Amino acid sequence: MSFREATPAQARVDLAAIRRNVELLKDRAPGAELMGAVKADAYGHGLVPVSKAVIEGGATRLGTAYVREGLALRAAGITVPVLSWILTPGEPLEEALLAGIELSASGAGRLEEVAAAARRTGRTAKTHLEADTGMSRGGAPLAAWPGLLAAAARLQAEGAIEVVGLWSHFACSDIPGHGSIDLQIDAYEAALKLAEQAGVSGSHVIRHLANSAAIVSLPRTHYDLVRPGIAMYGLSPIPEQGDFGLRQAMTLAARVALAKRVPEGSGVSYGHLYTTASESTLGLVPLGYADGILRHATGRAEVMAGGRRRQIVGRVCMDQFMIDVGDDPLDDGDEVILFGPGDGGEPTCQEWADNLGTITHEIVTRLGARVPRVYEGAGA
């Protein structure tokens, strides 16, 4: 579609694609609930509209990194269970409990803070306990796991908390055959057994381990619930194995702010890293590193303009970058597609990630707030 608003650039988000992606992922994990990871403004796609589409696609729960993200969902009228899993000292735990947000704990100290908030509010805190099974990031190391379980059992008997989930996270599920995968599964199974022995497990407690990559490649890790993130947005969790039938939801587009002829030998942008080989038409695209276009996209990333792919030439600036279209026609206001699903031959987000030596997660989540999200698809 063309621009619907008088803006220099826009990110078009296909909500129908997101709903369909969620449906495909649910089909990959029959019998398991699906918790859509909508942290980081739904991976840059827009928290509230995307969360509603994810629920329409079949998600029964949502996951956020921070409590404030969960509170934003509640403020928008979203009522499904929400888990927020990164708790730092001073988080608004009382507000979270009053909003019915489930919380994660990785240590006895944080669990005590959650219990204290529960006592102050009179609300039992629905709590997920996270085990560190080998990522060495969040979660209680297995050596500390029994202590966390003992504290949880005591606080649960008091009525301050209710353990509703036991979970962990993969480090290398996107690297098929990596030696850590089986080790982490074994460690998670051991953590579950210890929880059962401590009396904080049971049929009502949700076991969850699988992220996007594990959903499509490790069916034995689906347990009671799966937690897709990047795959919901149509970006492959294991790119070397294809797209798994997913459809990229975001198209990033801009309008040429200025098209002009310049002579042969013209240095372009800061540092004159690029010089025109002949008289050429340059196009100024109004997106830059303040909008999330990585500075080292200079000379590496391509866009679609005038029906052909063009390389970014000259240094990417804070608010703009340049393309060289040679003698091809280009006018002020012409559309430039940075990336999209590839239907029209435009670069995809995966191509941008590959060319810049990063992952698609970084490309979409870096997109700045001054780029409006425009929603497409049924129900947009």
Protein backbone atom coordinates (compact mmCIF):
# COMPACT_ATOMS: atom_id res chain seq x y z
CA MET A 1 0.00 0.00 0.00
CA SER A 2 1.04 3.63 -0.36
CA PHE A 3 1.46 6.15 2.45
CA ARG A 4 -1.76 6.89 4.29
CA GLU A 5 -0.27 9.66 6.42
CA ALA A 6 1.87 12.71 5.74
CA THR A 7 4.93 11.22 7.36
CA PRO A 8 8.50 10.85 6.11
CA ALA A 9 8.51 7.15 6.95
CA GLN A 10 6.29 4.46 8.41
CA ALA A 11 6.42 0.87 9.57
CA ARG A 12 3.48 -1.07 8.18
CA VAL A 13 2.47 -3.95 10.41
CA ASP A 14 0.32 -6.71 8.96
CA LEU A 15 -1.84 -7.89 11.86
CA ALA A 16 -3.36 -10.66 9.74
CA ALA A 17 0.13 -12.08 9.23
CA ILE A 18 0.75 -12.02 12.99
CA ARG A 19 -2.51 -13.84 13.67
CA ARG A 20 -1.66 -16.45 11.06
CA ASN A 21 1.85 -16.90 12.44
CA VAL A 22 0.43 -17.56 15.89
CA GLU A 23 -1.96 -20.12 14.44
CA LEU A 24 0.93 -21.89 12.70
CA LEU A 25 2.94 -21.97 15.91
CA LYS A 26 -0.02 -23.38 17.84
CA ASP A 27 -0.26 -26.13 15.24
CA ARG A 28 3.41 -26.92 15.92
CA ALA A 29 2.70 -27.44 19.62
CA PRO A 30 -0.63 -29.25 19.87
CA GLY A 31 -1.92 -29.57 23.40
CA ALA A 32 0.24 -26.77 24.77
CA GLU A 33 -0.90 -23.29 25.70
CA LEU A 34 0.78 -20.42 23.87
CA MET A 35 2.19 -17.37 25.65
CA GLY A 36 3.00 -14.63 23.17
CA ALA A 37 6.15 -12.70 24.05
CA VAL A 38 5.23 -9.04 23.46
CA LYS A 39 8.11 -7.45 25.36
CA ALA A 40 9.99 -4.50 23.86
CA ASP A 41 6.83 -2.96 22.37
CA ALA A 42 6.00 -6.30 20.76
CA TYR A 43 9.47 -6.49 19.21
CA GLY A 44 9.04 -2.98 17.84
CA HIS A 45 5.69 -3.72 16.19
CA GLY A 46 3.43 -1.99 18.74
CA LEU A 47 2.43 -3.47 22.09
CA VAL A 48 -1.35 -3.12 22.23
CA PRO A 49 -2.47 -3.71 18.60
CA VAL A 50 -0.11 -6.66 18.27
CA SER A 51 -1.12 -8.18 21.61
CA LYS A 52 -4.75 -8.13 20.54
CA ALA A 53 -3.84 -9.83 17.25
CA VAL A 54 -1.77 -12.44 19.10
CA ILE A 55 -4.74 -13.27 21.31
CA GLU A 56 -7.01 -13.46 18.27
CA GLY A 57 -4.52 -15.91 16.76
CA GLY A 58 -4.94 -18.25 19.71
CA ALA A 59 -2.57 -17.13 22.46
CA THR A 60 -4.04 -17.62 25.91
CA ARG A 61 -1.30 -15.72 27.75
CA LEU A 62 1.13 -12.88 27.16
CA GLY A 63 4.68 -12.41 28.41
CA THR A 64 6.61 -9.21 29.06
CA ALA A 65 10.06 -8.49 30.35
CA TYR A 66 9.06 -5.68 32.72
CA VAL A 67 6.15 -4.98 35.02
CA ARG A 68 5.46 -1.63 33.35
CA GLU A 69 4.83 -3.47 30.08
CA GLY A 70 2.32 -5.71 31.81
CA LEU A 71 0.62 -2.69 33.37
CA ALA A 72 0.33 -1.09 29.92
CA LEU A 73 -1.51 -4.20 28.71
CA ARG A 74 -3.94 -3.98 31.60
CA ALA A 75 -4.46 -0.24 31.01
CA ALA A 76 -5.42 -1.12 27.44
CA GLY A 77 -8.12 -3.48 28.68
CA ILE A 78 -6.31 -6.76 27.96
CA THR A 79 -7.42 -9.33 30.51
CA VAL A 80 -5.61 -12.59 29.63
CA PRO A 81 -2.95 -13.79 32.09
CA VAL A 82 0.26 -11.78 31.79
CA LEU A 83 3.67 -12.81 33.12
CA SER A 84 6.42 -10.25 33.75
CA TRP A 85 9.77 -11.92 34.35
CA ILE A 86 12.48 -9.34 35.07
CA LEU A 87 12.10 -7.89 38.56
CA THR A 88 14.55 -5.32 39.86
CA PRO A 89 14.45 -3.80 43.36
CA GLY A 90 11.78 -1.15 43.65
CA GLU A 91 9.46 -2.50 40.95
CA PRO A 92 5.76 -1.57 41.47
CA LEU A 93 4.91 -5.03 42.73
CA GLU A 94 1.80 -3.97 44.60
CA GLU A 95 0.41 -2.32 41.46
CA ALA A 96 1.27 -5.45 39.51
CA LEU A 97 -0.57 -7.72 41.94
CA LEU A 98 -3.62 -5.46 42.00
CA ALA A 99 -3.63 -5.66 38.19
CA GLY A 100 -3.47 -9.45 38.30
CA ILE A 101 -0.02 -9.69 36.74
CA GLU A 102 1.92 -12.90 37.37
CA LEU A 103 5.53 -12.46 38.46
CA SER A 104 8.70 -14.49 38.10
CA ALA A 105 11.31 -15.05 40.80
CA SER A 106 14.85 -16.34 40.44
CA GLY A 107 16.00 -16.04 44.02
CA ALA A 108 14.67 -16.21 47.57
CA GLY A 109 15.28 -12.51 48.15
CA ARG A 110 13.12 -11.39 45.25
CA LEU A 111 10.51 -13.96 46.21
CA GLU A 112 10.33 -12.39 49.68
CA GLU A 113 9.72 -8.99 48.08
CA VAL A 114 6.86 -10.45 46.06
CA ALA A 115 5.41 -12.03 49.20
CA ALA A 116 5.69 -8.74 51.10
CA ALA A 117 3.76 -6.97 48.35
CA ALA A 118 1.16 -9.73 48.53
CA ARG A 119 0.71 -9.18 52.26
CA ARG A 120 0.28 -5.44 51.78
CA THR A 121 -2.32 -5.85 49.07
CA GLY A 122 -4.09 -8.90 50.42
CA ARG A 123 -3.61 -10.53 47.01
CA THR A 124 -1.94 -13.91 46.64
CA ALA A 125 0.92 -13.47 44.19
CA LYS A 126 0.77 -15.89 41.29
CA THR A 127 4.42 -16.73 40.84
CA HIS A 128 6.60 -18.53 38.30
CA LEU A 129 9.93 -19.87 39.52
CA GLU A 130 12.77 -19.69 37.02
CA ALA A 131 15.59 -22.22 37.01
CA ASP A 132 18.95 -21.47 35.40
CA THR A 133 19.52 -24.68 33.45
CA GLY A 134 22.66 -23.54 31.69
CA MET A 135 22.21 -20.10 30.17
CA SER A 136 23.79 -18.35 33.18
CA ARG A 137 21.44 -15.40 32.77
CA GLY A 138 18.15 -15.25 34.69
CA GLY A 139 17.01 -18.01 36.98
CA ALA A 140 18.27 -19.77 40.08
CA PRO A 141 21.31 -21.99 39.49
CA LEU A 142 20.54 -25.61 40.28
CA ALA A 143 22.71 -25.37 43.41
CA ALA A 144 20.41 -22.61 44.69
CA TRP A 145 17.21 -24.14 43.34
CA PRO A 146 16.37 -26.22 46.46
CA GLY A 147 16.62 -23.09 48.61
CA LEU A 148 14.27 -21.19 46.31
CA LEU A 149 11.83 -24.12 46.35
CA ALA A 150 11.92 -24.27 50.16
CA ALA A 151 11.18 -20.54 50.41
CA ALA A 152 8.38 -20.90 47.88
CA ALA A 153 6.84 -23.81 49.77
CA ARG A 154 6.89 -21.82 53.02
CA LEU A 155 5.36 -18.71 51.44
CA GLN A 156 2.79 -20.78 49.60
CA ALA A 157 1.72 -22.43 52.86
CA GLU A 158 1.31 -18.95 54.32
CA GLY A 159 -0.90 -17.96 51.40
CA ALA A 160 1.33 -15.11 50.26
CA ILE A 161 2.20 -16.72 46.94
CA GLU A 162 0.92 -19.44 44.69
CA VAL A 163 3.42 -21.18 42.46
CA VAL A 164 1.73 -21.38 39.08
CA GLY A 165 4.73 -21.92 36.79
CA LEU A 166 8.17 -23.54 36.62
CA TRP A 167 10.30 -22.40 33.72
CA SER A 168 13.67 -21.90 32.13
CA HIS A 169 15.13 -20.56 28.89
CA PHE A 170 17.32 -22.05 26.17
CA ALA A 171 20.70 -20.60 25.28
CA CYS A 172 21.24 -22.36 21.94
CA SER A 173 17.96 -23.78 20.68
CA ASP A 174 18.50 -21.79 17.48
CA ILE A 175 21.65 -23.84 16.82
CA PRO A 176 20.32 -27.32 15.97
CA GLY A 177 22.44 -30.08 17.46
CA HIS A 178 24.27 -27.80 19.90
CA GLY A 179 25.58 -29.83 22.82
CA SER A 180 23.98 -27.57 25.42
CA ILE A 181 20.44 -28.37 24.33
CA ASP A 182 20.20 -31.86 25.80
CA LEU A 183 22.09 -30.74 28.89
CA GLN A 184 19.55 -27.98 29.49
CA ILE A 185 16.62 -30.33 28.98
CA ASP A 186 18.12 -32.75 31.50
CA ALA A 187 18.72 -29.92 33.96
CA TYR A 188 15.14 -28.70 33.55
CA GLU A 189 13.79 -32.19 34.17
CA ALA A 190 15.93 -32.38 37.32
CA ALA A 191 14.55 -29.02 38.44
CA LEU A 192 11.00 -30.24 37.91
CA LYS A 193 11.66 -33.36 39.96
CA LEU A 194 13.06 -31.31 42.83
CA ALA A 195 10.00 -29.05 42.70
CA GLU A 196 7.75 -32.06 42.95
CA GLN A 197 9.68 -33.32 45.96
CA ALA A 198 9.40 -29.89 47.58
CA GLY A 199 5.64 -29.85 47.14
CA VAL A 200 5.50 -26.89 44.75
CA SER A 201 4.55 -28.81 41.64
CA GLY A 202 1.38 -30.46 40.43
CA SER A 203 -1.11 -30.53 37.60
CA HIS A 204 -2.00 -26.87 38.11
CA VAL A 205 1.60 -25.71 37.74
CA ILE A 206 2.57 -24.77 34.18
CA ARG A 207 5.87 -26.11 32.87
CA HIS A 208 7.38 -23.97 30.12
CA LEU A 209 10.72 -24.02 28.36
CA ALA A 210 10.27 -23.72 24.59
CA ASN A 211 10.98 -20.45 22.78
CA SER A 212 10.42 -19.90 19.03
CA ALA A 213 13.31 -22.09 17.92
CA ALA A 214 12.35 -24.91 20.26
CA ILE A 215 8.73 -24.77 19.11
CA VAL A 216 9.73 -25.57 15.53
CA SER A 217 12.60 -27.95 16.24
CA LEU A 218 12.25 -29.58 19.67
CA PRO A 219 8.72 -30.93 20.19
CA ARG A 220 9.73 -32.80 23.35
CA THR A 221 10.26 -29.43 25.05
CA HIS A 222 6.73 -28.11 24.54
CA TYR A 223 5.48 -29.29 27.95
CA ASP A 224 2.37 -27.35 29.05
CA LEU A 225 3.08 -24.01 27.39
CA VAL A 226 5.30 -22.54 24.67
CA ARG A 227 6.62 -18.97 24.50
CA PRO A 228 7.11 -17.76 20.92
CA GLY A 229 8.72 -14.40 20.35
CA ILE A 230 10.42 -13.59 17.06
CA ALA A 231 8.45 -16.22 15.12
CA MET A 232 5.14 -14.50 15.84
CA TYR A 233 6.40 -11.55 13.82
CA GLY A 234 7.14 -13.78 10.84
CA LEU A 235 10.90 -13.89 11.28
CA SER A 236 12.56 -17.28 11.29
CA PRO A 237 14.05 -18.46 14.58
CA ILE A 238 16.42 -20.74 12.64
CA PRO A 239 17.09 -18.87 9.37
CA GLU A 240 19.26 -21.56 7.82
CA GLN A 241 16.27 -23.92 7.95
CA GLY A 242 13.90 -21.58 6.12
CA ASP A 243 10.88 -19.57 7.17
CA PHE A 244 8.71 -22.46 8.48
CA GLY A 245 5.73 -20.99 6.62
CA LEU A 246 5.85 -17.77 8.64
CA ARG A 247 5.18 -14.40 7.01
CA GLN A 248 7.13 -11.26 7.89
CA ALA A 249 4.68 -8.77 9.41
CA MET A 250 6.62 -5.50 9.13
CA THR A 251 7.38 -3.43 6.07
CA LEU A 252 9.56 -0.36 6.61
CA ALA A 253 9.02 2.38 4.03
CA ALA A 254 10.02 6.01 3.51
CA ARG A 255 9.46 8.75 0.98
CA VAL A 256 12.31 10.44 -0.86
CA ALA A 257 12.76 13.85 0.72
CA LEU A 258 15.01 15.17 -2.05
CA ALA A 259 16.12 13.86 -5.43
CA LYS A 260 18.89 15.76 -7.20
CA ARG A 261 21.48 15.44 -9.95
CA VAL A 262 25.12 15.67 -8.95
CA PRO A 263 28.26 15.61 -11.09
CA GLU A 264 30.79 12.82 -11.43
CA GLY A 265 33.19 12.69 -8.50
CA SER A 266 30.75 14.04 -5.92
CA GLY A 267 31.58 12.92 -2.39
CA VAL A 268 28.48 11.77 -0.53
CA SER A 269 27.73 12.28 3.17
CA TYR A 270 30.16 12.42 6.09
CA GLY A 271 33.69 11.35 5.38
CA HIS A 272 33.06 11.00 1.65
CA LEU A 273 33.12 7.23 1.95
CA TYR A 274 31.33 7.10 -1.41
CA THR A 275 32.03 9.11 -4.54
CA THR A 276 29.81 9.09 -7.62
CA ALA A 277 31.41 7.35 -10.61
CA SER A 278 29.49 9.49 -13.09
CA GLU A 279 26.82 12.16 -13.12
CA SER A 280 24.02 10.62 -11.05
CA THR A 281 20.73 11.16 -9.31
CA LEU A 282 20.93 10.88 -5.54
CA GLY A 283 17.94 10.32 -3.29
CA LEU A 284 17.74 11.46 0.32
CA VAL A 285 15.83 8.93 2.44
CA PRO A 286 14.60 10.45 5.75
CA LEU A 287 15.61 7.68 8.15
CA GLY A 288 18.82 7.44 10.14
CA TYR A 289 20.46 5.97 13.18
CA ALA A 290 18.11 7.97 15.44
CA ASP A 291 15.38 5.82 13.92
CA GLY A 292 17.25 2.55 14.35
CA ILE A 293 18.97 2.34 10.96
CA LEU A 294 22.35 1.08 12.04
CA ARG A 295 25.23 3.37 11.10
CA HIS A 296 27.21 0.48 9.70
CA ALA A 297 24.46 -0.14 7.14
CA THR A 298 26.60 2.22 5.08
CA GLY A 299 27.48 0.37 1.87
CA ARG A 300 26.06 -2.90 3.21
CA ALA A 301 22.27 -2.74 3.18
CA GLU A 302 19.99 -2.41 0.17
CA VAL A 303 16.59 -0.79 -0.34
CA MET A 304 14.01 -0.94 -3.12
CA ALA A 305 13.52 2.29 -5.08
CA GLY A 306 12.19 2.84 -8.57
CA GLY A 307 11.57 -0.86 -9.06
CA ARG A 308 15.19 -1.83 -8.39
CA ARG A 309 17.38 -2.55 -5.43
CA ARG A 310 19.78 0.22 -4.45
CA GLN A 311 22.64 0.17 -1.99
CA ILE A 312 22.87 2.71 0.81
CA VAL A 313 25.73 5.00 -0.24
CA GLY A 314 27.71 7.33 1.99
CA ARG A 315 27.61 7.38 5.75
CA VAL A 316 24.22 6.79 7.39
CA CYS A 317 23.42 9.98 9.32
CA MET A 318 21.25 10.63 12.37
CA ASP A 319 18.12 11.42 10.36
CA GLN A 320 18.85 10.41 6.77
CA PHE A 321 20.82 8.32 4.30
CA MET A 322 21.47 8.47 0.57
CA ILE A 323 20.95 6.21 -2.41
CA ASP A 324 22.41 6.54 -5.92
CA VAL A 325 20.02 5.63 -8.75
CA GLY A 326 22.32 6.66 -11.60
CA ASP A 327 20.26 7.82 -14.58
CA ASP A 328 17.05 6.15 -13.46
CA PRO A 329 14.11 8.45 -12.72
CA LEU A 330 13.56 9.44 -9.10
CA ASP A 331 11.37 12.23 -7.72
CA ASP A 332 10.68 13.83 -4.39
CA GLY A 333 8.02 11.79 -2.59
CA ASP A 334 8.79 8.49 -4.34
CA GLU A 335 8.49 5.47 -2.07
CA VAL A 336 11.54 3.57 -0.84
CA ILE A 337 11.11 0.16 0.82
CA LEU A 338 13.89 -0.69 3.25
CA PHE A 339 12.57 -4.17 3.99
CA GLY A 340 9.36 -6.14 3.74
CA PRO A 341 8.15 -9.71 3.20
CA GLY A 342 9.87 -9.82 -0.20
CA ASP A 343 6.75 -10.06 -2.35
CA GLY A 344 7.89 -7.28 -4.66
CA GLY A 345 11.56 -8.18 -4.68
CA GLU A 346 12.37 -5.84 -1.81
CA PRO A 347 14.96 -6.88 0.78
CA THR A 348 13.66 -8.80 3.78
CA CYS A 349 14.48 -8.16 7.40
CA GLN A 350 16.57 -11.35 7.38
CA GLU A 351 18.67 -9.96 4.52
CA TRP A 352 19.28 -6.77 6.47
CA ALA A 353 20.31 -8.80 9.50
CA ASP A 354 22.64 -11.01 7.46
CA ASN A 355 24.27 -8.04 5.71
CA LEU A 356 24.80 -6.21 8.99
CA GLY A 357 26.06 -9.22 10.94
CA THR A 358 23.23 -9.25 13.45
CA ILE A 359 19.83 -10.89 14.04
CA THR A 360 16.37 -9.83 12.96
CA HIS A 361 15.44 -9.15 16.60
CA GLU A 362 17.83 -6.19 16.64
CA ILE A 363 16.62 -4.79 13.33
CA VAL A 364 12.95 -4.55 14.35
CA THR A 365 13.35 -3.64 18.03
CA ARG A 366 15.72 -0.74 17.27
CA LEU A 367 13.12 1.03 15.15
CA GLY A 368 12.56 4.42 16.77
CA ALA A 369 9.40 5.93 18.19
CA ARG A 370 9.23 8.74 15.62
CA VAL A 371 8.49 6.16 12.90
CA PRO A 372 4.72 5.65 13.14
CA ARG A 373 3.37 2.12 13.06
CA VAL A 374 0.53 1.79 10.55
CA TYR A 375 -1.64 -1.31 10.96
CA GLU A 376 -2.92 -3.37 8.04
CA GLY A 377 -4.83 -6.61 7.68
CA ALA A 378 -8.31 -7.59 8.78
CA GLY A 379 -9.20 -5.86 12.03
CA ALA A 380 -6.43 -3.25 11.75
